[in-house]
N, C-alpha and C. Protein backbone atom coordinates (compact mmCIF):
# COMPACT_ATOMS: atom_id res chain seq x y z
N MET A 1 -16.04 -9.52 86.77
CA MET A 1 -17.26 -8.51 86.39
C MET A 1 -18.13 -7.99 87.46
N ARG A 2 -18.13 -7.05 88.07
CA ARG A 2 -19.25 -7.01 89.10
C ARG A 2 -20.42 -6.35 88.90
N VAL A 3 -21.67 -6.80 89.04
CA VAL A 3 -22.84 -7.02 88.59
C VAL A 3 -23.79 -6.73 89.56
N PRO A 4 -24.35 -6.17 89.78
CA PRO A 4 -25.87 -6.15 90.71
C PRO A 4 -26.69 -7.33 90.86
N PRO A 5 -27.00 -7.84 92.03
CA PRO A 5 -28.15 -8.84 91.54
C PRO A 5 -29.23 -8.58 90.86
N TRP A 6 -29.58 -9.73 90.05
CA TRP A 6 -30.45 -9.58 89.43
C TRP A 6 -31.80 -10.54 89.50
N LEU A 7 -31.78 -11.27 90.92
CA LEU A 7 -32.67 -12.24 91.42
C LEU A 7 -32.85 -12.18 92.86
N VAL A 8 -34.12 -12.00 93.12
CA VAL A 8 -34.19 -12.32 94.87
C VAL A 8 -35.14 -13.86 95.14
N SER A 9 -34.90 -14.73 95.21
CA SER A 9 -35.29 -15.56 96.03
C SER A 9 -35.88 -15.53 97.25
N MET A 10 -36.94 -15.88 97.94
CA MET A 10 -37.60 -15.96 99.06
C MET A 10 -37.94 -17.53 98.96
N ARG A 11 -37.78 -18.23 100.31
CA ARG A 11 -38.81 -19.60 100.13
C ARG A 11 -38.79 -19.50 101.91
N LEU A 12 -40.46 -20.15 102.23
CA LEU A 12 -40.68 -20.69 103.46
C LEU A 12 -40.31 -21.75 103.66
N VAL A 13 -39.82 -22.17 104.75
CA VAL A 13 -39.47 -23.54 105.21
C VAL A 13 -40.16 -23.90 106.31
N GLU A 14 -40.85 -24.74 106.04
CA GLU A 14 -41.84 -25.39 107.51
C GLU A 14 -41.44 -26.74 107.98
N GLU A 15 -40.62 -27.00 109.12
CA GLU A 15 -40.60 -28.49 109.31
C GLU A 15 -39.04 -28.89 108.50
N GLU A 16 -37.97 -28.62 107.71
CA GLU A 16 -37.24 -29.10 107.03
C GLU A 16 -38.07 -28.93 105.44
N ARG A 17 -39.12 -28.32 105.30
CA ARG A 17 -39.92 -28.87 104.19
C ARG A 17 -40.14 -27.79 103.62
N THR A 18 -39.84 -27.07 102.14
CA THR A 18 -40.45 -25.75 101.68
C THR A 18 -41.32 -25.86 101.27
N LYS A 19 -42.07 -24.76 101.65
CA LYS A 19 -43.41 -24.88 101.71
C LYS A 19 -44.14 -23.57 100.31
N PHE A 20 -43.32 -23.05 100.51
CA PHE A 20 -43.64 -21.43 99.54
C PHE A 20 -42.02 -20.93 98.99
N ARG A 21 -42.29 -20.78 97.66
CA ARG A 21 -41.01 -20.13 97.22
C ARG A 21 -41.15 -18.82 96.18
N PHE A 22 -40.44 -17.99 96.08
CA PHE A 22 -41.19 -16.83 95.22
C PHE A 22 -39.67 -16.25 94.57
N TRP A 23 -39.68 -15.87 93.63
CA TRP A 23 -38.61 -15.25 92.68
C TRP A 23 -38.94 -13.97 92.57
N PHE A 24 -38.49 -12.74 92.85
CA PHE A 24 -38.70 -11.67 92.25
C PHE A 24 -37.50 -10.92 91.09
N PRO A 25 -37.64 -11.22 90.11
CA PRO A 25 -36.80 -10.62 88.96
C PRO A 25 -36.16 -8.97 89.86
N LEU A 26 -35.16 -9.13 89.84
CA LEU A 26 -34.65 -7.39 90.04
C LEU A 26 -34.03 -6.70 88.89
N PHE A 27 -33.77 -7.44 88.12
CA PHE A 27 -33.37 -6.64 86.57
C PHE A 27 -34.23 -5.86 85.75
N LEU A 28 -35.98 -6.34 86.32
CA LEU A 28 -37.07 -5.16 85.47
C LEU A 28 -36.59 -4.00 86.42
N LEU A 29 -36.59 -4.07 87.59
CA LEU A 29 -36.13 -2.76 88.40
C LEU A 29 -34.53 -1.65 87.68
N TRP A 30 -33.89 -2.58 87.43
CA TRP A 30 -32.58 -1.78 86.84
C TRP A 30 -32.78 -0.56 85.89
N PRO A 31 -33.65 -0.10 84.78
CA PRO A 31 -33.79 0.94 84.17
C PRO A 31 -34.23 2.46 85.28
N LEU A 32 -35.24 1.67 86.20
CA LEU A 32 -35.75 2.64 87.28
C LEU A 32 -34.42 3.09 87.93
N LEU A 33 -33.80 2.16 88.35
CA LEU A 33 -32.52 2.58 89.31
C LEU A 33 -31.41 3.57 88.67
N LEU A 34 -31.38 2.82 87.31
CA LEU A 34 -30.40 3.35 86.54
C LEU A 34 -30.61 5.11 86.37
N VAL A 35 -31.94 5.57 85.98
CA VAL A 35 -32.28 7.05 86.01
C VAL A 35 -32.01 7.58 87.15
N PHE A 36 -32.49 6.85 88.76
CA PHE A 36 -32.02 7.26 89.82
C PHE A 36 -30.64 7.50 90.26
N VAL A 37 -29.61 6.65 89.73
CA VAL A 37 -28.59 6.84 90.39
C VAL A 37 -27.91 7.78 89.54
N MET A 38 -28.43 8.07 87.78
CA MET A 38 -27.49 9.13 87.49
C MET A 38 -28.10 10.72 88.18
N LEU A 39 -29.65 10.83 88.52
CA LEU A 39 -29.25 11.94 89.10
C LEU A 39 -28.67 11.94 90.50
N THR A 40 -28.50 11.26 91.03
CA THR A 40 -28.17 11.10 92.22
C THR A 40 -26.35 11.50 91.86
N PHE A 41 -26.05 11.34 90.71
CA PHE A 41 -24.54 11.44 90.47
C PHE A 41 -24.17 12.62 90.05
N VAL A 42 -25.61 13.28 89.51
CA VAL A 42 -25.28 14.72 89.08
C VAL A 42 -25.47 15.70 90.50
N ALA A 43 -26.33 15.36 91.32
CA ALA A 43 -26.33 15.84 92.48
C ALA A 43 -25.31 15.91 93.09
N THR A 44 -24.09 14.47 93.46
CA THR A 44 -23.37 14.83 93.96
C THR A 44 -22.33 15.54 93.47
N LEU A 45 -22.03 15.51 92.23
CA LEU A 45 -21.16 16.17 91.34
C LEU A 45 -21.11 17.81 91.37
N LEU A 46 -22.51 18.41 91.62
CA LEU A 46 -23.10 19.20 92.12
C LEU A 46 -22.37 19.93 93.64
N ALA A 47 -22.59 19.12 94.61
CA ALA A 47 -22.62 19.30 95.66
C ALA A 47 -20.77 19.14 96.24
N ASP A 48 -20.37 18.65 95.16
CA ASP A 48 -18.68 18.23 95.27
C ASP A 48 -18.35 19.80 94.85
N LEU A 49 -19.10 19.93 93.57
CA LEU A 49 -17.93 21.62 92.89
C LEU A 49 -18.18 22.61 94.21
N PHE A 50 -19.48 22.70 94.55
CA PHE A 50 -19.94 23.70 95.67
C PHE A 50 -19.35 23.69 97.00
N SER A 51 -18.91 22.57 97.20
CA SER A 51 -18.01 22.10 98.59
C SER A 51 -16.42 22.46 98.13
N LEU A 52 -15.82 22.43 97.00
CA LEU A 52 -14.78 22.67 96.30
C LEU A 52 -14.57 24.29 96.43
N VAL A 53 -15.67 24.62 95.86
CA VAL A 53 -15.69 26.35 95.60
C VAL A 53 -15.66 26.81 97.08
N SER A 54 -16.19 26.30 98.01
CA SER A 54 -16.17 26.95 99.50
C SER A 54 -15.01 26.50 100.27
N GLY A 55 -14.21 25.83 99.72
CA GLY A 55 -12.90 25.17 100.74
C GLY A 55 -12.92 24.09 101.23
N ASN A 56 -14.16 23.30 101.40
CA ASN A 56 -13.73 22.21 101.89
C ASN A 56 -13.50 20.93 101.16
N LYS A 57 -13.46 19.85 101.81
CA LYS A 57 -13.28 19.10 100.81
C LYS A 57 -14.09 17.96 100.50
N PRO A 58 -14.13 17.51 99.11
CA PRO A 58 -15.19 17.21 98.54
C PRO A 58 -15.45 15.55 98.49
N GLY A 59 -16.59 14.87 98.69
CA GLY A 59 -16.10 13.74 99.18
C GLY A 59 -18.02 13.02 98.75
N TYR A 60 -18.38 13.54 98.15
CA TYR A 60 -19.89 12.83 98.31
C TYR A 60 -20.13 11.89 96.98
N THR A 61 -19.01 12.40 95.80
CA THR A 61 -19.59 11.39 94.64
C THR A 61 -18.82 10.07 95.02
N ARG A 62 -17.46 10.19 95.74
CA ARG A 62 -16.54 9.33 96.29
C ARG A 62 -17.79 8.59 96.65
N PHE A 63 -18.54 8.47 97.75
CA PHE A 63 -19.40 8.04 98.89
C PHE A 63 -20.60 7.22 97.64
N VAL A 64 -20.61 7.88 97.02
CA VAL A 64 -21.85 7.33 95.82
C VAL A 64 -21.64 6.12 95.70
N LEU A 65 -20.50 6.29 94.88
CA LEU A 65 -19.56 4.85 93.95
C LEU A 65 -19.12 4.08 94.96
N GLY A 66 -18.72 4.51 96.54
CA GLY A 66 -18.62 3.34 96.92
C GLY A 66 -19.79 2.20 97.40
N VAL A 67 -20.86 3.08 97.68
CA VAL A 67 -22.39 2.42 97.77
C VAL A 67 -22.65 1.64 96.52
N LEU A 68 -22.23 2.21 95.65
CA LEU A 68 -22.81 1.12 94.20
C LEU A 68 -21.79 0.02 94.50
N GLY A 69 -20.60 0.21 94.46
CA GLY A 69 -19.69 -1.09 94.72
C GLY A 69 -19.82 -1.70 95.73
N VAL A 70 -20.82 -1.60 96.64
CA VAL A 70 -21.07 -2.33 97.86
C VAL A 70 -22.11 -3.20 97.33
N VAL A 71 -23.10 -2.67 96.67
CA VAL A 71 -23.98 -3.20 96.44
C VAL A 71 -24.13 -4.16 95.10
N THR A 72 -22.79 -3.64 94.50
CA THR A 72 -22.66 -4.85 93.50
C THR A 72 -22.07 -6.02 93.63
N GLN A 73 -21.73 -6.09 95.00
CA GLN A 73 -20.85 -7.36 96.12
C GLN A 73 -22.14 -8.05 96.97
N THR A 74 -23.21 -7.41 96.69
CA THR A 74 -24.33 -8.69 97.82
C THR A 74 -24.72 -9.75 97.02
N ARG A 75 -24.68 -10.35 95.69
CA ARG A 75 -24.83 -11.13 95.06
C ARG A 75 -24.38 -12.41 96.11
N GLY A 76 -25.24 -13.33 95.70
CA GLY A 76 -24.96 -14.33 97.08
C GLY A 76 -25.21 -14.43 98.41
N THR A 77 -25.81 -13.25 98.69
CA THR A 77 -26.19 -12.98 100.41
C THR A 77 -27.44 -13.97 100.53
N GLU A 78 -26.76 -14.43 101.66
CA GLU A 78 -28.55 -15.31 102.01
C GLU A 78 -29.08 -14.65 103.48
N VAL A 79 -30.22 -14.70 103.58
CA VAL A 79 -30.74 -13.96 105.14
C VAL A 79 -31.55 -15.03 105.75
N PHE A 80 -31.47 -15.61 106.91
CA PHE A 80 -32.34 -16.76 107.39
C PHE A 80 -33.16 -15.93 108.44
N VAL A 81 -34.50 -15.90 108.73
CA VAL A 81 -34.95 -15.31 109.88
C VAL A 81 -36.15 -16.32 110.20
N GLN A 82 -36.06 -16.38 111.59
CA GLN A 82 -36.72 -17.63 112.46
C GLN A 82 -37.90 -17.10 113.09
N ASP A 83 -39.06 -17.54 112.30
CA ASP A 83 -40.39 -17.28 113.39
C ASP A 83 -40.19 -17.49 115.14
N LYS A 84 -40.31 -16.27 116.01
CA LYS A 84 -39.97 -16.71 117.37
C LYS A 84 -41.37 -17.34 117.88
N SER A 85 -42.63 -17.33 117.33
CA SER A 85 -44.01 -18.18 117.93
C SER A 85 -43.50 -19.99 117.21
N ASN A 86 -43.37 -19.91 116.19
CA ASN A 86 -42.90 -21.39 115.96
C ASN A 86 -41.67 -21.38 115.36
N HIS A 87 -40.80 -22.10 115.96
CA HIS A 87 -39.30 -22.32 115.51
C HIS A 87 -39.31 -23.03 114.47
N ASN A 88 -40.14 -23.77 114.25
CA ASN A 88 -40.04 -24.81 113.07
C ASN A 88 -40.01 -23.75 111.84
N ARG A 89 -40.39 -22.78 111.86
CA ARG A 89 -40.37 -21.87 110.43
C ARG A 89 -39.25 -20.97 110.39
N THR A 90 -39.04 -21.16 109.16
CA THR A 90 -37.40 -20.26 108.23
C THR A 90 -37.95 -19.56 107.09
N VAL A 91 -37.67 -17.80 107.11
CA VAL A 91 -38.00 -17.70 105.80
C VAL A 91 -36.68 -17.36 105.46
N ALA A 92 -36.21 -17.58 104.35
CA ALA A 92 -34.77 -17.30 103.85
C ALA A 92 -34.79 -16.52 102.38
N PHE A 93 -34.06 -15.61 102.12
CA PHE A 93 -34.03 -14.53 101.06
C PHE A 93 -32.18 -14.85 100.48
N THR A 94 -32.46 -14.71 99.34
CA THR A 94 -31.30 -15.01 98.88
C THR A 94 -31.18 -14.32 97.56
N LEU A 95 -29.96 -13.04 97.37
CA LEU A 95 -29.31 -12.66 96.10
C LEU A 95 -28.56 -13.07 95.28
N ARG A 96 -29.25 -13.33 93.94
CA ARG A 96 -28.67 -14.34 92.93
C ARG A 96 -27.81 -13.06 92.09
């Protein structure tokens, strides 16, 4: 089952030691995002309807559904950022 990420973990590593770890629960934002996605979905359905009436090929709703599919596949993504001035410092973000 494809579920969007529910947690972002950020950690600051300096000289192979974790100095700081912060967890941000994304599931607290899900109700807000659900409202935004529903409004976007209604707007894209209307845009597709107007495109169909004008003779163009509709594709906005399909695009939004594709973006949602990509977002649900981002679980497990890790991003590492190394500080230019201090090469021993790394910031890591993980989506869970």
